[in-house]
């Protein structure tokens, strides 16, 4: 029978480290892995904000399609 090593949730490291030894959640300016993480987070927030904006009736996509005749 195969045994698996498990870690309890209390053994987790206090800060997730990136390969360069810098905190992944640090807000660093420039082309860094941290900047890509923040870019993805902000893109997800923007996408969800647009979905809610569209659901309440303010649709940029629908208005553009209406203007071009679809």
PDB file of N, CA and C in Angstrom:
ATOM      1  N   UNK A   1       0.839  -1.178   0.000  1.00  0.00           N
ATOM      2  CA  UNK A   1       0.000   0.000   0.000  1.00  0.00           C
ATOM      3  C   UNK A   1       0.885   1.242   0.000  1.00  0.00           C
ATOM      4  N   UNK A   2       0.512   2.214  -0.802  1.00  0.00           N
ATOM      5  CA  UNK A   2       1.292   3.434  -0.932  1.00  0.00           C
ATOM      6  C   UNK A   2       0.966   4.390   0.217  1.00  0.00           C
ATOM      7  N   UNK A   3       1.994   4.967   0.817  1.00  0.00           N
ATOM      8  CA  UNK A   3       1.765   5.952   1.875  1.00  0.00           C
ATOM      9  C   UNK A   3       2.090   7.328   1.333  1.00  0.00           C
ATOM     10  N   UNK A   4       1.285   8.265   1.701  1.00  0.00           N
ATOM     11  CA  UNK A   4       1.499   9.640   1.263  1.00  0.00           C
ATOM     12  C   UNK A   4       1.876  10.498   2.452  1.00  0.00           C
ATOM     13  N   UNK A   5       2.831  11.380   2.209  1.00  0.00           N
ATOM     14  CA  UNK A   5       3.217  12.303   3.252  1.00  0.00           C
ATOM     15  C   UNK A   5       2.294  13.522   3.158  1.00  0.00           C
ATOM     16  N   UNK A   6       1.716  13.879   4.261  1.00  0.00           N
ATOM     17  CA  UNK A   6       0.818  15.037   4.271  1.00  0.00           C
ATOM     18  C   UNK A   6       1.309  16.056   5.277  1.00  0.00           C
ATOM     19  N   UNK A   7       1.009  17.315   4.986  1.00  0.00           N
ATOM     20  CA  UNK A   7       1.346  18.395   5.905  1.00  0.00           C
ATOM     21  C   UNK A   7       0.059  18.995   6.429  1.00  0.00           C
ATOM     22  N   UNK A   8       0.061  19.270   7.694  1.00  0.00           N
ATOM     23  CA  UNK A   8      -1.127  19.930   8.235  1.00  0.00           C
ATOM     24  C   UNK A   8      -1.116  21.388   7.801  1.00  0.00           C
ATOM     25  N   UNK A   9      -2.261  22.021   7.852  1.00  0.00           N
ATOM     26  CA  UNK A   9      -2.353  23.406   7.407  1.00  0.00           C
ATOM     27  C   UNK A   9      -1.584  24.345   8.324  1.00  0.00           C
ATOM     28  N   UNK A  10      -1.219  23.898   9.511  1.00  0.00           N
ATOM     29  CA  UNK A  10      -0.440  24.756  10.403  1.00  0.00           C
ATOM     30  C   UNK A  10       1.047  24.724  10.078  1.00  0.00           C
ATOM     31  N   UNK A  11       1.488  23.791   9.227  1.00  0.00           N
ATOM     32  CA  UNK A  11       2.894  23.709   8.840  1.00  0.00           C
ATOM     33  C   UNK A  11       3.229  24.533   7.603  1.00  0.00           C
ATOM     34  N   UNK A  12       2.269  25.235   7.045  1.00  0.00           N
ATOM     35  CA  UNK A  12       2.514  25.989   5.824  1.00  0.00           C
ATOM     36  C   UNK A  12       3.442  27.161   6.097  1.00  0.00           C
ATOM     37  N   UNK A  13       4.259  27.545   5.123  1.00  0.00           N
ATOM     38  CA  UNK A  13       5.149  28.691   5.335  1.00  0.00           C
ATOM     39  C   UNK A  13       4.331  29.973   5.498  1.00  0.00           C
ATOM     40  N   UNK A  14       4.811  30.915   6.295  1.00  0.00           N
ATOM     41  CA  UNK A  14       4.033  32.134   6.545  1.00  0.00           C
ATOM     42  C   UNK A  14       3.868  33.012   5.307  1.00  0.00           C
ATOM     43  N   UNK A  15       4.833  32.994   4.406  1.00  0.00           N
ATOM     44  CA  UNK A  15       4.770  33.814   3.193  1.00  0.00           C
ATOM     45  C   UNK A  15       5.169  32.944   2.018  1.00  0.00           C
ATOM     46  N   UNK A  16       4.361  32.937   0.956  1.00  0.00           N
ATOM     47  CA  UNK A  16       4.715  32.182  -0.248  1.00  0.00           C
ATOM     48  C   UNK A  16       5.841  32.915  -0.961  1.00  0.00           C
ATOM     49  N   UNK A  17       6.916  32.222  -1.231  1.00  0.00           N
ATOM     50  CA  UNK A  17       8.079  32.840  -1.877  1.00  0.00           C
ATOM     51  C   UNK A  17       8.134  32.473  -3.347  1.00  0.00           C
ATOM     52  N   UNK A  18       8.539  33.414  -4.173  1.00  0.00           N
ATOM     53  CA  UNK A  18       8.756  33.189  -5.598  1.00  0.00           C
ATOM     54  C   UNK A  18      10.190  32.670  -5.748  1.00  0.00           C
ATOM     55  N   UNK A  19      10.533  32.239  -6.933  1.00  0.00           N
ATOM     56  CA  UNK A  19      11.872  31.683  -7.145  1.00  0.00           C
ATOM     57  C   UNK A  19      12.967  32.697  -6.877  1.00  0.00           C
ATOM     58  N   UNK A  20      12.672  33.987  -6.982  1.00  0.00           N
ATOM     59  CA  UNK A  20      13.691  35.003  -6.732  1.00  0.00           C
ATOM     60  C   UNK A  20      13.746  35.426  -5.268  1.00  0.00           C
ATOM     61  N   UNK A  21      12.991  34.756  -4.394  1.00  0.00           N
ATOM     62  CA  UNK A  21      13.068  35.023  -2.974  1.00  0.00           C
ATOM     63  C   UNK A  21      12.279  36.220  -2.502  1.00  0.00           C
ATOM     64  N   UNK A  22      11.428  36.793  -3.364  1.00  0.00           N
ATOM     65  CA  UNK A  22      10.635  37.959  -3.002  1.00  0.00           C
ATOM     66  C   UNK A  22       9.188  37.524  -2.812  1.00  0.00           C
ATOM     67  N   UNK A  23       8.515  38.142  -1.858  1.00  0.00           N
ATOM     68  CA  UNK A  23       7.115  37.837  -1.581  1.00  0.00           C
ATOM     69  C   UNK A  23       6.288  37.982  -2.854  1.00  0.00           C
ATOM     70  N   UNK A  24       5.477  36.974  -3.180  1.00  0.00           N
ATOM     71  CA  UNK A  24       4.667  37.002  -4.403  1.00  0.00           C
ATOM     72  C   UNK A  24       3.623  38.104  -4.382  1.00  0.00           C
ATOM     73  N   UNK A  25       3.182  38.521  -3.208  1.00  0.00           N
ATOM     74  CA  UNK A  25       2.149  39.542  -3.121  1.00  0.00           C
ATOM     75  C   UNK A  25       2.704  40.958  -3.034  1.00  0.00           C
ATOM     76  N   UNK A  26       4.011  41.099  -3.067  1.00  0.00           N
ATOM     77  CA  UNK A  26       4.614  42.425  -3.011  1.00  0.00           C
ATOM     78  C   UNK A  26       4.248  43.196  -4.273  1.00  0.00           C
ATOM     79  N   UNK A  27       3.949  44.477  -4.118  1.00  0.00           N
ATOM     80  CA  UNK A  27       3.610  45.307  -5.268  1.00  0.00           C
ATOM     81  C   UNK A  27       4.896  45.939  -5.779  1.00  0.00           C
ATOM     82  N   UNK A  28       5.525  45.283  -6.749  1.00  0.00           N
ATOM     83  CA  UNK A  28       6.784  45.755  -7.317  1.00  0.00           C
ATOM     84  C   UNK A  28       6.545  46.303  -8.708  1.00  0.00           C
ATOM     85  N   UNK A  29       7.204  47.400  -9.033  1.00  0.00           N
ATOM     86  CA  UNK A  29       7.052  48.014 -10.342  1.00  0.00           C
ATOM     87  C   UNK A  29       8.055  47.403 -11.311  1.00  0.00           C
ATOM     88  N   UNK A  30       7.645  47.197 -12.557  1.00  0.00           N
ATOM     89  CA  UNK A  30       8.544  46.669 -13.582  1.00  0.00           C
ATOM     90  C   UNK A  30       8.107  45.298 -14.043  1.00  0.00           C
ATOM     91  N   UNK A  31       8.962  44.668 -14.839  1.00  0.00           N
ATOM     92  CA  UNK A  31       8.664  43.340 -15.386  1.00  0.00           C
ATOM     93  C   UNK A  31       9.115  42.281 -14.395  1.00  0.00           C
ATOM     94  N   UNK A  32       8.254  41.996 -13.444  1.00  0.00           N
ATOM     95  CA  UNK A  32       8.578  41.014 -12.412  1.00  0.00           C
ATOM     96  C   UNK A  32       7.455  39.988 -12.340  1.00  0.00           C
ATOM     97  N   UNK A  33       7.730  38.815 -11.782  1.00  0.00           N
ATOM     98  CA  UNK A  33       6.655  37.842 -11.602  1.00  0.00           C
ATOM     99  C   UNK A  33       5.511  38.398 -10.749  1.00  0.00           C
ATOM    100  N   UNK A  34       5.845  39.247  -9.779  1.00  0.00           N
ATOM    101  CA  UNK A  34       4.820  39.837  -8.936  1.00  0.00           C
ATOM    102  C   UNK A  34       3.904  40.753  -9.746  1.00  0.00           C
ATOM    103  N   UNK A  35       4.470  41.466 -10.711  1.00  0.00           N
ATOM    104  CA  UNK A  35       3.657  42.344 -11.553  1.00  0.00           C
ATOM    105  C   UNK A  35       2.664  41.533 -12.383  1.00  0.00           C
ATOM    106  N   UNK A  36       3.071  40.359 -12.838  1.00  0.00           N
ATOM    107  CA  UNK A  36       2.163  39.514 -13.612  1.00  0.00           C
ATOM    108  C   UNK A  36       1.023  38.983 -12.740  1.00  0.00           C
ATOM    109  N   UNK A  37       1.315  38.679 -11.490  1.00  0.00           N
ATOM    110  CA  UNK A  37       0.261  38.225 -10.580  1.00  0.00           C
ATOM    111  C   UNK A  37      -0.747  39.347 -10.364  1.00  0.00           C
ATOM    112  N   UNK A  38      -0.247  40.573 -10.105  1.00  0.00           N
ATOM    113  CA  UNK A  38      -1.154  41.708  -9.905  1.00  0.00           C
ATOM    114  C   UNK A  38      -1.927  42.037 -11.169  1.00  0.00           C
ATOM    115  N   UNK A  39      -1.284  41.911 -12.333  1.00  0.00           N
ATOM    116  CA  UNK A  39      -1.967  42.149 -13.595  1.00  0.00           C
ATOM    117  C   UNK A  39      -3.131  41.178 -13.760  1.00  0.00           C
ATOM    118  N   UNK A  40      -2.928  39.919 -13.448  1.00  0.00           N
ATOM    119  CA  UNK A  40      -3.998  38.928 -13.544  1.00  0.00           C
ATOM    120  C   UNK A  40      -5.129  39.216 -12.574  1.00  0.00           C
ATOM    121  N   UNK A  41      -4.788  39.595 -11.348  1.00  0.00           N
ATOM    122  CA  UNK A  41      -5.815  39.917 -10.357  1.00  0.00           C
ATOM    123  C   UNK A  41      -6.660  41.102 -10.799  1.00  0.00           C
ATOM    124  N   UNK A  42      -6.010  42.156 -11.265  1.00  0.00           N
ATOM    125  CA  UNK A  42      -6.748  43.344 -11.701  1.00  0.00           C
ATOM    126  C   UNK A  42      -7.578  43.052 -12.955  1.00  0.00           C
ATOM    127  N   UNK A  43      -7.086  42.198 -13.837  1.00  0.00           N
ATOM    128  CA  UNK A  43      -7.860  41.824 -15.019  1.00  0.00           C
ATOM    129  C   UNK A  43      -9.118  41.060 -14.616  1.00  0.00           C
ATOM    130  N   UNK A  44      -9.008  40.169 -13.614  1.00  0.00           N
ATOM    131  CA  UNK A  44     -10.188  39.429 -13.150  1.00  0.00           C
ATOM    132  C   UNK A  44     -11.210  40.370 -12.520  1.00  0.00           C
ATOM    133  N   UNK A  45     -10.735  41.337 -11.747  1.00  0.00           N
ATOM    134  CA  UNK A  45     -11.648  42.314 -11.140  1.00  0.00           C
ATOM    135  C   UNK A  45     -12.340  43.120 -12.230  1.00  0.00           C
ATOM    136  N   UNK A  46     -11.589  43.547 -13.249  1.00  0.00           N
ATOM    137  CA  UNK A  46     -12.173  44.309 -14.346  1.00  0.00           C
ATOM    138  C   UNK A  46     -13.197  43.512 -15.127  1.00  0.00           C
ATOM    139  N   UNK A  47     -12.916  42.246 -15.362  1.00  0.00           N
ATOM    140  CA  UNK A  47     -13.848  41.403 -16.100  1.00  0.00           C
ATOM    141  C   UNK A  47     -15.150  41.229 -15.329  1.00  0.00           C
ATOM    142  N   UNK A  48     -15.066  40.943 -14.037  1.00  0.00           N
ATOM    143  CA  UNK A  48     -16.265  40.777 -13.207  1.00  0.00           C
ATOM    144  C   UNK A  48     -17.034  42.091 -13.124  1.00  0.00           C
ATOM    145  N   UNK A  49     -16.312  43.219 -13.017  1.00  0.00           N
ATOM    146  CA  UNK A  49     -16.981  44.520 -12.974  1.00  0.00           C
ATOM    147  C   UNK A  49     -17.747  44.759 -14.278  1.00  0.00           C
ATOM    148  N   UNK A  50     -17.151  44.410 -15.420  1.00  0.00           N
ATOM    149  CA  UNK A  50     -17.853  44.594 -16.687  1.00  0.00           C
ATOM    150  C   UNK A  50     -19.073  43.685 -16.783  1.00  0.00           C
ATOM    151  N   UNK A  51     -18.970  42.453 -16.302  1.00  0.00           N
ATOM    152  CA  UNK A  51     -20.122  41.542 -16.336  1.00  0.00           C
ATOM    153  C   UNK A  51     -21.277  42.132 -15.529  1.00  0.00           C
ATOM    154  N   UNK A  52     -20.982  42.638 -14.329  1.00  0.00           N
ATOM    155  CA  UNK A  52     -22.042  43.263 -13.530  1.00  0.00           C
ATOM    156  C   UNK A  52     -22.603  44.505 -14.216  1.00  0.00           C
ATOM    157  N   UNK A  53     -21.734  45.319 -14.806  1.00  0.00           N
ATOM    158  CA  UNK A  53     -22.146  46.518 -15.531  1.00  0.00           C
ATOM    159  C   UNK A  53     -23.072  46.130 -16.689  1.00  0.00           C
ATOM    160  N   UNK A  54     -22.735  45.048 -17.381  1.00  0.00           N
ATOM    161  CA  UNK A  54     -23.548  44.565 -18.492  1.00  0.00           C
ATOM    162  C   UNK A  54     -24.905  44.039 -17.999  1.00  0.00           C
ATOM    163  N   UNK A  55     -24.903  43.356 -16.867  1.00  0.00           N
ATOM    164  CA  UNK A  55     -26.153  42.796 -16.351  1.00  0.00           C
ATOM    165  C   UNK A  55     -27.145  43.856 -15.913  1.00  0.00           C
ATOM    166  N   UNK A  56     -26.659  45.023 -15.494  1.00  0.00           N
ATOM    167  CA  UNK A  56     -27.603  46.073 -15.092  1.00  0.00           C
ATOM    168  C   UNK A  56     -28.064  46.913 -16.278  1.00  0.00           C
ATOM    169  N   UNK A  57     -27.568  46.606 -17.474  1.00  0.00           N
ATOM    170  CA  UNK A  57     -28.108  47.246 -18.668  1.00  0.00           C
ATOM    171  C   UNK A  57     -27.193  48.167 -19.435  1.00  0.00           C
ATOM    172  N   UNK A  58     -25.992  48.392 -18.964  1.00  0.00           N
ATOM    173  CA  UNK A  58     -25.060  49.270 -19.663  1.00  0.00           C
ATOM    174  C   UNK A  58     -24.050  48.421 -20.425  1.00  0.00           C
ATOM    175  N   UNK A  59     -24.395  48.000 -21.627  1.00  0.00           N
ATOM    176  CA  UNK A  59     -23.532  47.096 -22.372  1.00  0.00           C
ATOM    177  C   UNK A  59     -22.843  47.825 -23.511  1.00  0.00           C
ATOM    178  N   UNK A  60     -21.546  47.927 -23.435  1.00  0.00           N
ATOM    179  CA  UNK A  60     -20.772  48.538 -24.515  1.00  0.00           C
ATOM    180  C   UNK A  60     -20.817  47.641 -25.746  1.00  0.00           C
ATOM    181  N   UNK A  61     -20.676  46.340 -25.559  1.00  0.00           N
ATOM    182  CA  UNK A  61     -20.678  45.403 -26.686  1.00  0.00           C
ATOM    183  C   UNK A  61     -22.025  45.442 -27.397  1.00  0.00           C
ATOM    184  N   UNK A  62     -23.112  45.407 -26.666  1.00  0.00           N
ATOM    185  CA  UNK A  62     -24.449  45.437 -27.267  1.00  0.00           C
ATOM    186  C   UNK A  62     -24.675  46.757 -28.011  1.00  0.00           C
ATOM    187  N   UNK A  63     -24.217  47.869 -27.449  1.00  0.00           N
ATOM    188  CA  UNK A  63     -24.380  49.163 -28.115  1.00  0.00           C
ATOM    189  C   UNK A  63     -23.568  49.235 -29.410  1.00  0.00           C
ATOM    190  N   UNK A  64     -22.358  48.704 -29.405  1.00  0.00           N
ATOM    191  CA  UNK A  64     -21.538  48.711 -30.618  1.00  0.00           C
ATOM    192  C   UNK A  64     -22.171  47.829 -31.688  1.00  0.00           C
ATOM    193  N   UNK A  65     -22.642  46.653 -31.291  1.00  0.00           N
ATOM    194  CA  UNK A  65     -23.301  45.779 -32.264  1.00  0.00           C
ATOM    195  C   UNK A  65     -24.561  46.429 -32.822  1.00  0.00           C
ATOM    196  N   UNK A  66     -25.273  47.156 -32.010  1.00  0.00           N
ATOM    197  CA  UNK A  66     -26.477  47.853 -32.483  1.00  0.00           C
ATOM    198  C   UNK A  66     -26.101  48.949 -33.485  1.00  0.00           C
ATOM    199  N   UNK A  67     -25.004  49.651 -33.224  1.00  0.00           N
ATOM    200  CA  UNK A  67     -24.571  50.731 -34.113  1.00  0.00           C
ATOM    201  C   UNK A  67     -24.151  50.222 -35.492  1.00  0.00           C
ATOM    202  N   UNK A  68     -23.543  49.024 -35.542  1.00  0.00           N
ATOM    203  CA  UNK A  68     -23.079  48.521 -36.838  1.00  0.00           C
ATOM    204  C   UNK A  68     -24.154  47.670 -37.529  1.00  0.00           C
ATOM    205  N   UNK A  69     -25.321  47.544 -36.948  1.00  0.00           N
ATOM    206  CA  UNK A  69     -26.423  46.916 -37.628  1.00  0.00           C
ATOM    207  C   UNK A  69     -26.718  45.466 -37.294  1.00  0.00           C
ATOM    208  N   UNK A  70     -26.169  44.949 -36.231  1.00  0.00           N
ATOM    209  CA  UNK A  70     -26.470  43.553 -35.846  1.00  0.00           C
ATOM    210  C   UNK A  70     -27.574  43.513 -34.834  1.00  0.00           C
TER     211      UNK A  70
END
